[in-house]
PDB file of N, CA and C in Angstrom:
ATOM      1  N   MET A   1      11.483 -18.440 -29.808  1.00  0.00           N
ATOM      2  CA  MET A   1      10.676 -19.604 -29.581  1.00  0.00           C
ATOM      3  C   MET A   1       9.608 -19.700 -30.657  1.00  0.00           C
ATOM      4  N   ARG A   2       9.360 -20.873 -31.086  1.00  0.00           N
ATOM      5  CA  ARG A   2       8.399 -21.104 -32.154  1.00  0.00           C
ATOM      6  C   ARG A   2       6.996 -20.629 -31.766  1.00  0.00           C
ATOM      7  N   ILE A   3       6.585 -20.859 -30.535  1.00  0.00           N
ATOM      8  CA  ILE A   3       5.244 -20.459 -30.101  1.00  0.00           C
ATOM      9  C   ILE A   3       5.083 -18.953 -30.206  1.00  0.00           C
ATOM     10  N   GLN A   4       6.063 -18.217 -29.730  1.00  0.00           N
ATOM     11  CA  GLN A   4       5.985 -16.759 -29.757  1.00  0.00           C
ATOM     12  C   GLN A   4       5.954 -16.250 -31.187  1.00  0.00           C
ATOM     13  N   GLY A   5       6.718 -16.845 -32.058  1.00  0.00           N
ATOM     14  CA  GLY A   5       6.761 -16.412 -33.446  1.00  0.00           C
ATOM     15  C   GLY A   5       5.427 -16.550 -34.155  1.00  0.00           C
ATOM     16  N   ASN A   6       4.617 -17.511 -33.750  1.00  0.00           N
ATOM     17  CA  ASN A   6       3.323 -17.753 -34.383  1.00  0.00           C
ATOM     18  C   ASN A   6       2.156 -17.090 -33.663  1.00  0.00           C
ATOM     19  N   SER A   7       2.413 -16.480 -32.524  1.00  0.00           N
ATOM     20  CA  SER A   7       1.343 -15.919 -31.706  1.00  0.00           C
ATOM     21  C   SER A   7       1.144 -14.435 -31.960  1.00  0.00           C
ATOM     22  N   LYS A   8      -0.106 -14.022 -31.964  1.00  0.00           N
ATOM     23  CA  LYS A   8      -0.416 -12.598 -32.057  1.00  0.00           C
ATOM     24  C   LYS A   8      -0.526 -11.988 -30.654  1.00  0.00           C
ATOM     25  N   LEU A   9      -0.494 -12.835 -29.639  1.00  0.00           N
ATOM     26  CA  LEU A   9      -0.567 -12.402 -28.250  1.00  0.00           C
ATOM     27  C   LEU A   9       0.813 -12.516 -27.603  1.00  0.00           C
ATOM     28  N   PRO A  10       1.082 -11.724 -26.582  1.00  0.00           N
ATOM     29  CA  PRO A  10       2.366 -11.837 -25.880  1.00  0.00           C
ATOM     30  C   PRO A  10       2.514 -13.214 -25.235  1.00  0.00           C
ATOM     31  N   VAL A  11       3.724 -13.707 -25.196  1.00  0.00           N
ATOM     32  CA  VAL A  11       4.030 -14.994 -24.582  1.00  0.00           C
ATOM     33  C   VAL A  11       5.006 -14.755 -23.440  1.00  0.00           C
ATOM     34  N   ILE A  12       4.719 -15.339 -22.298  1.00  0.00           N
ATOM     35  CA  ILE A  12       5.615 -15.255 -21.150  1.00  0.00           C
ATOM     36  C   ILE A  12       6.235 -16.624 -20.960  1.00  0.00           C
ATOM     37  N   SER A  13       7.558 -16.678 -20.899  1.00  0.00           N
ATOM     38  CA  SER A  13       8.208 -17.968 -20.681  1.00  0.00           C
ATOM     39  C   SER A  13       9.393 -17.793 -19.745  1.00  0.00           C
ATOM     40  N   PHE A  14       9.668 -18.846 -18.991  1.00  0.00           N
ATOM     41  CA  PHE A  14      10.794 -18.865 -18.071  1.00  0.00           C
ATOM     42  C   PHE A  14      11.092 -20.312 -17.741  1.00  0.00           C
ATOM     43  N   ALA A  15      12.286 -20.551 -17.228  1.00  0.00           N
ATOM     44  CA  ALA A  15      12.688 -21.901 -16.844  1.00  0.00           C
ATOM     45  C   ALA A  15      12.163 -22.210 -15.445  1.00  0.00           C
ATOM     46  N   MET A  16      12.032 -23.472 -15.143  1.00  0.00           N
ATOM     47  CA  MET A  16      11.522 -23.902 -13.842  1.00  0.00           C
ATOM     48  C   MET A  16      12.664 -24.415 -12.973  1.00  0.00           C
ATOM     49  N   GLY A  17      12.391 -24.553 -11.705  1.00  0.00           N
ATOM     50  CA  GLY A  17      13.347 -25.116 -10.767  1.00  0.00           C
ATOM     51  C   GLY A  17      14.295 -24.073 -10.195  1.00  0.00           C
ATOM     52  N   ARG A  18      15.109 -24.533  -9.256  1.00  0.00           N
ATOM     53  CA  ARG A  18      16.038 -23.641  -8.568  1.00  0.00           C
ATOM     54  C   ARG A  18      16.970 -22.946  -9.541  1.00  0.00           C
ATOM     55  N   ARG A  19      17.514 -23.674 -10.487  1.00  0.00           N
ATOM     56  CA  ARG A  19      18.445 -23.082 -11.458  1.00  0.00           C
ATOM     57  C   ARG A  19      17.756 -22.119 -12.415  1.00  0.00           C
ATOM     58  N   GLY A  20      16.482 -22.294 -12.629  1.00  0.00           N
ATOM     59  CA  GLY A  20      15.753 -21.435 -13.551  1.00  0.00           C
ATOM     60  C   GLY A  20      15.164 -20.189 -12.913  1.00  0.00           C
ATOM     61  N   SER A  21      15.343 -20.032 -11.602  1.00  0.00           N
ATOM     62  CA  SER A  21      14.695 -18.908 -10.914  1.00  0.00           C
ATOM     63  C   SER A  21      15.120 -17.553 -11.471  1.00  0.00           C
ATOM     64  N   VAL A  22      16.360 -17.417 -11.874  1.00  0.00           N
ATOM     65  CA  VAL A  22      16.828 -16.129 -12.411  1.00  0.00           C
ATOM     66  C   VAL A  22      16.091 -15.760 -13.699  1.00  0.00           C
ATOM     67  N   THR A  23      15.629 -16.747 -14.447  1.00  0.00           N
ATOM     68  CA  THR A  23      14.929 -16.446 -15.699  1.00  0.00           C
ATOM     69  C   THR A  23      13.580 -15.776 -15.453  1.00  0.00           C
ATOM     70  N   ARG A  24      13.032 -15.947 -14.269  1.00  0.00           N
ATOM     71  CA  ARG A  24      11.779 -15.262 -13.927  1.00  0.00           C
ATOM     72  C   ARG A  24      12.003 -13.752 -13.895  1.00  0.00           C
ATOM     73  N   TYR A  25      13.160 -13.341 -13.387  1.00  0.00           N
ATOM     74  CA  TYR A  25      13.493 -11.918 -13.318  1.00  0.00           C
ATOM     75  C   TYR A  25      13.952 -11.393 -14.674  1.00  0.00           C
ATOM     76  N   ILE A  26      14.634 -12.226 -15.423  1.00  0.00           N
ATOM     77  CA  ILE A  26      15.043 -11.835 -16.775  1.00  0.00           C
ATOM     78  C   ILE A  26      13.798 -11.576 -17.628  1.00  0.00           C
ATOM     79  N   ALA A  27      12.777 -12.410 -17.466  1.00  0.00           N
ATOM     80  CA  ALA A  27      11.528 -12.206 -18.210  1.00  0.00           C
ATOM     81  C   ALA A  27      10.937 -10.831 -17.904  1.00  0.00           C
ATOM     82  N   LEU A  28      10.957 -10.428 -16.628  1.00  0.00           N
ATOM     83  CA  LEU A  28      10.471  -9.086 -16.274  1.00  0.00           C
ATOM     84  C   LEU A  28      11.308  -8.009 -16.944  1.00  0.00           C
ATOM     85  N   ALA A  29      12.619  -8.181 -16.896  1.00  0.00           N
ATOM     86  CA  ALA A  29      13.520  -7.185 -17.487  1.00  0.00           C
ATOM     87  C   ALA A  29      13.321  -7.072 -18.995  1.00  0.00           C
ATOM     88  N   LEU A  30      12.889  -8.161 -19.625  1.00  0.00           N
ATOM     89  CA  LEU A  30      12.684  -8.164 -21.074  1.00  0.00           C
ATOM     90  C   LEU A  30      11.265  -7.768 -21.477  1.00  0.00           C
ATOM     91  N   GLY A  31      10.467  -7.350 -20.503  1.00  0.00           N
ATOM     92  CA  GLY A  31       9.150  -6.834 -20.844  1.00  0.00           C
ATOM     93  C   GLY A  31       7.955  -7.671 -20.446  1.00  0.00           C
ATOM     94  N   SER A  32       8.172  -8.764 -19.744  1.00  0.00           N
ATOM     95  CA  SER A  32       7.031  -9.553 -19.295  1.00  0.00           C
ATOM     96  C   SER A  32       6.122  -8.687 -18.430  1.00  0.00           C
ATOM     97  N   PRO A  33       4.809  -8.734 -18.658  1.00  0.00           N
ATOM     98  CA  PRO A  33       3.909  -7.892 -17.870  1.00  0.00           C
ATOM     99  C   PRO A  33       3.733  -8.368 -16.430  1.00  0.00           C
ATOM    100  N   TRP A  34       4.081  -9.607 -16.136  1.00  0.00           N
ATOM    101  CA  TRP A  34       3.994 -10.113 -14.768  1.00  0.00           C
ATOM    102  C   TRP A  34       4.889 -11.325 -14.596  1.00  0.00           C
ATOM    103  N   MET A  35       4.996 -11.758 -13.341  1.00  0.00           N
ATOM    104  CA  MET A  35       5.671 -13.010 -13.024  1.00  0.00           C
ATOM    105  C   MET A  35       4.859 -13.712 -11.942  1.00  0.00           C
ATOM    106  N   TYR A  36       5.040 -14.987 -11.830  1.00  0.00           N
ATOM    107  CA  TYR A  36       4.334 -15.752 -10.815  1.00  0.00           C
ATOM    108  C   TYR A  36       5.116 -15.704  -9.509  1.00  0.00           C
ATOM    109  N   ALA A  37       4.398 -15.559  -8.408  1.00  0.00           N
ATOM    110  CA  ALA A  37       5.006 -15.569  -7.081  1.00  0.00           C
ATOM    111  C   ALA A  37       4.022 -16.205  -6.107  1.00  0.00           C
ATOM    112  N   GLY A  38       4.566 -16.841  -5.102  1.00  0.00           N
ATOM    113  CA  GLY A  38       3.714 -17.415  -4.065  1.00  0.00           C
ATOM    114  C   GLY A  38       3.267 -16.329  -3.100  1.00  0.00           C
ATOM    115  N   VAL A  39       1.972 -16.228  -2.845  1.00  0.00           N
ATOM    116  CA  VAL A  39       1.460 -15.168  -1.968  1.00  0.00           C
ATOM    117  C   VAL A  39       1.875 -15.420  -0.523  1.00  0.00           C
ATOM    118  N   PHE A  40       1.594 -16.580  -0.008  1.00  0.00           N
ATOM    119  CA  PHE A  40       1.936 -16.888   1.378  1.00  0.00           C
ATOM    120  C   PHE A  40       3.170 -17.774   1.490  1.00  0.00           C
ATOM    121  N   ARG A  41       3.473 -18.487   0.427  1.00  0.00           N
ATOM    122  CA  ARG A  41       4.658 -19.352   0.402  1.00  0.00           C
ATOM    123  C   ARG A  41       4.963 -19.685  -1.051  1.00  0.00           C
ATOM    124  N   ARG A  42       6.159 -20.164  -1.276  1.00  0.00           N
ATOM    125  CA  ARG A  42       6.524 -20.603  -2.627  1.00  0.00           C
ATOM    126  C   ARG A  42       5.714 -21.848  -2.958  1.00  0.00           C
ATOM    127  N   THR A  43       5.202 -21.910  -4.168  1.00  0.00           N
ATOM    128  CA  THR A  43       4.407 -23.073  -4.561  1.00  0.00           C
ATOM    129  C   THR A  43       5.107 -23.928  -5.604  1.00  0.00           C
ATOM    130  N   ALA A  44       6.239 -23.459  -6.109  1.00  0.00           N
ATOM    131  CA  ALA A  44       7.028 -24.227  -7.074  1.00  0.00           C
ATOM    132  C   ALA A  44       8.501 -23.941  -6.812  1.00  0.00           C
ATOM    133  N   GLN A  45       9.339 -24.932  -7.031  1.00  0.00           N
ATOM    134  CA  GLN A  45      10.768 -24.736  -6.826  1.00  0.00           C
ATOM    135  C   GLN A  45      11.265 -23.634  -7.759  1.00  0.00           C
ATOM    136  N   GLY A  46      11.987 -22.671  -7.199  1.00  0.00           N
ATOM    137  CA  GLY A  46      12.493 -21.555  -7.983  1.00  0.00           C
ATOM    138  C   GLY A  46      11.562 -20.358  -8.006  1.00  0.00           C
ATOM    139  N   GLN A  47      10.331 -20.552  -7.542  1.00  0.00           N
ATOM    140  CA  GLN A  47       9.363 -19.451  -7.522  1.00  0.00           C
ATOM    141  C   GLN A  47       9.594 -18.604  -6.272  1.00  0.00           C
ATOM    142  N   PRO A  48       9.701 -17.281  -6.438  1.00  0.00           N
ATOM    143  CA  PRO A  48       9.916 -16.432  -5.271  1.00  0.00           C
ATOM    144  C   PRO A  48       8.628 -16.225  -4.475  1.00  0.00           C
ATOM    145  N   ASP A  49       8.807 -15.847  -3.215  1.00  0.00           N
ATOM    146  CA  ASP A  49       7.640 -15.418  -2.451  1.00  0.00           C
ATOM    147  C   ASP A  49       7.288 -14.007  -2.919  1.00  0.00           C
ATOM    148  N   LEU A  50       6.107 -13.544  -2.576  1.00  0.00           N
ATOM    149  CA  LEU A  50       5.609 -12.265  -3.076  1.00  0.00           C
ATOM    150  C   LEU A  50       6.507 -11.095  -2.675  1.00  0.00           C
ATOM    151  N   LYS A  51       6.972 -11.068  -1.441  1.00  0.00           N
ATOM    152  CA  LYS A  51       7.820  -9.969  -0.969  1.00  0.00           C
ATOM    153  C   LYS A  51       9.105  -9.874  -1.795  1.00  0.00           C
ATOM    154  N   THR A  52       9.742 -11.004  -2.058  1.00  0.00           N
ATOM    155  CA  THR A  52      10.967 -11.024  -2.859  1.00  0.00           C
ATOM    156  C   THR A  52      10.686 -10.594  -4.292  1.00  0.00           C
ATOM    157  N   ALA A  53       9.604 -11.087  -4.871  1.00  0.00           N
ATOM    158  CA  ALA A  53       9.263 -10.742  -6.255  1.00  0.00           C
ATOM    159  C   ALA A  53       9.013  -9.243  -6.407  1.00  0.00           C
ATOM    160  N   VAL A  54       8.279  -8.652  -5.470  1.00  0.00           N
ATOM    161  CA  VAL A  54       7.994  -7.212  -5.537  1.00  0.00           C
ATOM    162  C   VAL A  54       9.281  -6.415  -5.396  1.00  0.00           C
ATOM    163  N   SER A  55      10.141  -6.831  -4.485  1.00  0.00           N
ATOM    164  CA  SER A  55      11.416  -6.140  -4.284  1.00  0.00           C
ATOM    165  C   SER A  55      12.262  -6.156  -5.558  1.00  0.00           C
ATOM    166  N   TRP A  56      12.373  -7.321  -6.186  1.00  0.00           N
ATOM    167  CA  TRP A  56      13.149  -7.440  -7.426  1.00  0.00           C
ATOM    168  C   TRP A  56      12.510  -6.634  -8.549  1.00  0.00           C
ATOM    169  N   ALA A  57      11.200  -6.682  -8.660  1.00  0.00           N
ATOM    170  CA  ALA A  57      10.509  -5.947  -9.729  1.00  0.00           C
ATOM    171  C   ALA A  57      10.750  -4.449  -9.590  1.00  0.00           C
ATOM    172  N   ARG A  58      10.689  -3.945  -8.375  1.00  0.00           N
ATOM    173  CA  ARG A  58      10.953  -2.517  -8.151  1.00  0.00           C
ATOM    174  C   ARG A  58      12.386  -2.159  -8.523  1.00  0.00           C
ATOM    175  N   GLU A  59      13.311  -3.003  -8.149  1.00  0.00           N
ATOM    176  CA  GLU A  59      14.718  -2.744  -8.471  1.00  0.00           C
ATOM    177  C   GLU A  59      14.946  -2.778  -9.980  1.00  0.00           C
ATOM    178  N   LEU A  60      14.336  -3.720 -10.669  1.00  0.00           N
ATOM    179  CA  LEU A  60      14.482  -3.795 -12.125  1.00  0.00           C
ATOM    180  C   LEU A  60      13.912  -2.555 -12.801  1.00  0.00           C
ATOM    181  N   ARG A  61      12.778  -2.066 -12.324  1.00  0.00           N
ATOM    182  CA  ARG A  61      12.194  -0.844 -12.893  1.00  0.00           C
ATOM    183  C   ARG A  61      13.103   0.352 -12.655  1.00  0.00           C
ATOM    184  N   ARG A  62      13.725   0.405 -11.475  1.00  0.00           N
ATOM    185  CA  ARG A  62      14.622   1.505 -11.140  1.00  0.00           C
ATOM    186  C   ARG A  62      15.838   1.517 -12.060  1.00  0.00           C
ATOM    187  N   LEU A  63      16.311   0.331 -12.419  1.00  0.00           N
ATOM    188  CA  LEU A  63      17.502   0.206 -13.255  1.00  0.00           C
ATOM    189  C   LEU A  63      17.201   0.276 -14.747  1.00  0.00           C
ATOM    190  N   GLU A  64      15.927   0.221 -15.118  1.00  0.00           N
ATOM    191  CA  GLU A  64      15.529   0.179 -16.526  1.00  0.00           C
ATOM    192  C   GLU A  64      16.005   1.416 -17.279  1.00  0.00           C
ATOM    193  N   VAL A  65      16.593   1.169 -18.431  1.00  0.00           N
ATOM    194  CA  VAL A  65      17.056   2.259 -19.293  1.00  0.00           C
ATOM    195  C   VAL A  65      15.893   2.681 -20.174  1.00  0.00           C
ATOM    196  N   LYS A  66      15.616   3.966 -20.201  1.00  0.00           N
ATOM    197  CA  LYS A  66      14.484   4.446 -21.008  1.00  0.00           C
ATOM    198  C   LYS A  66      14.965   5.255 -22.173  1.00  0.00           C
TER     199      LYS A  66
END
């Protein structure tokens, strides 16, 4: 992405909507320091609730190749 190439700071990007929800987890797997999640409910289409996001993040860390 052009923005990331010109930035000295990390850039987090993902697709929006129901179809883009998997990209939120791919971003974590590729090194994103965080992802957005709804604390009490989903606030955007494709955004996981906090319980689901934590569960996926733990699983991704477990599977991470070091």
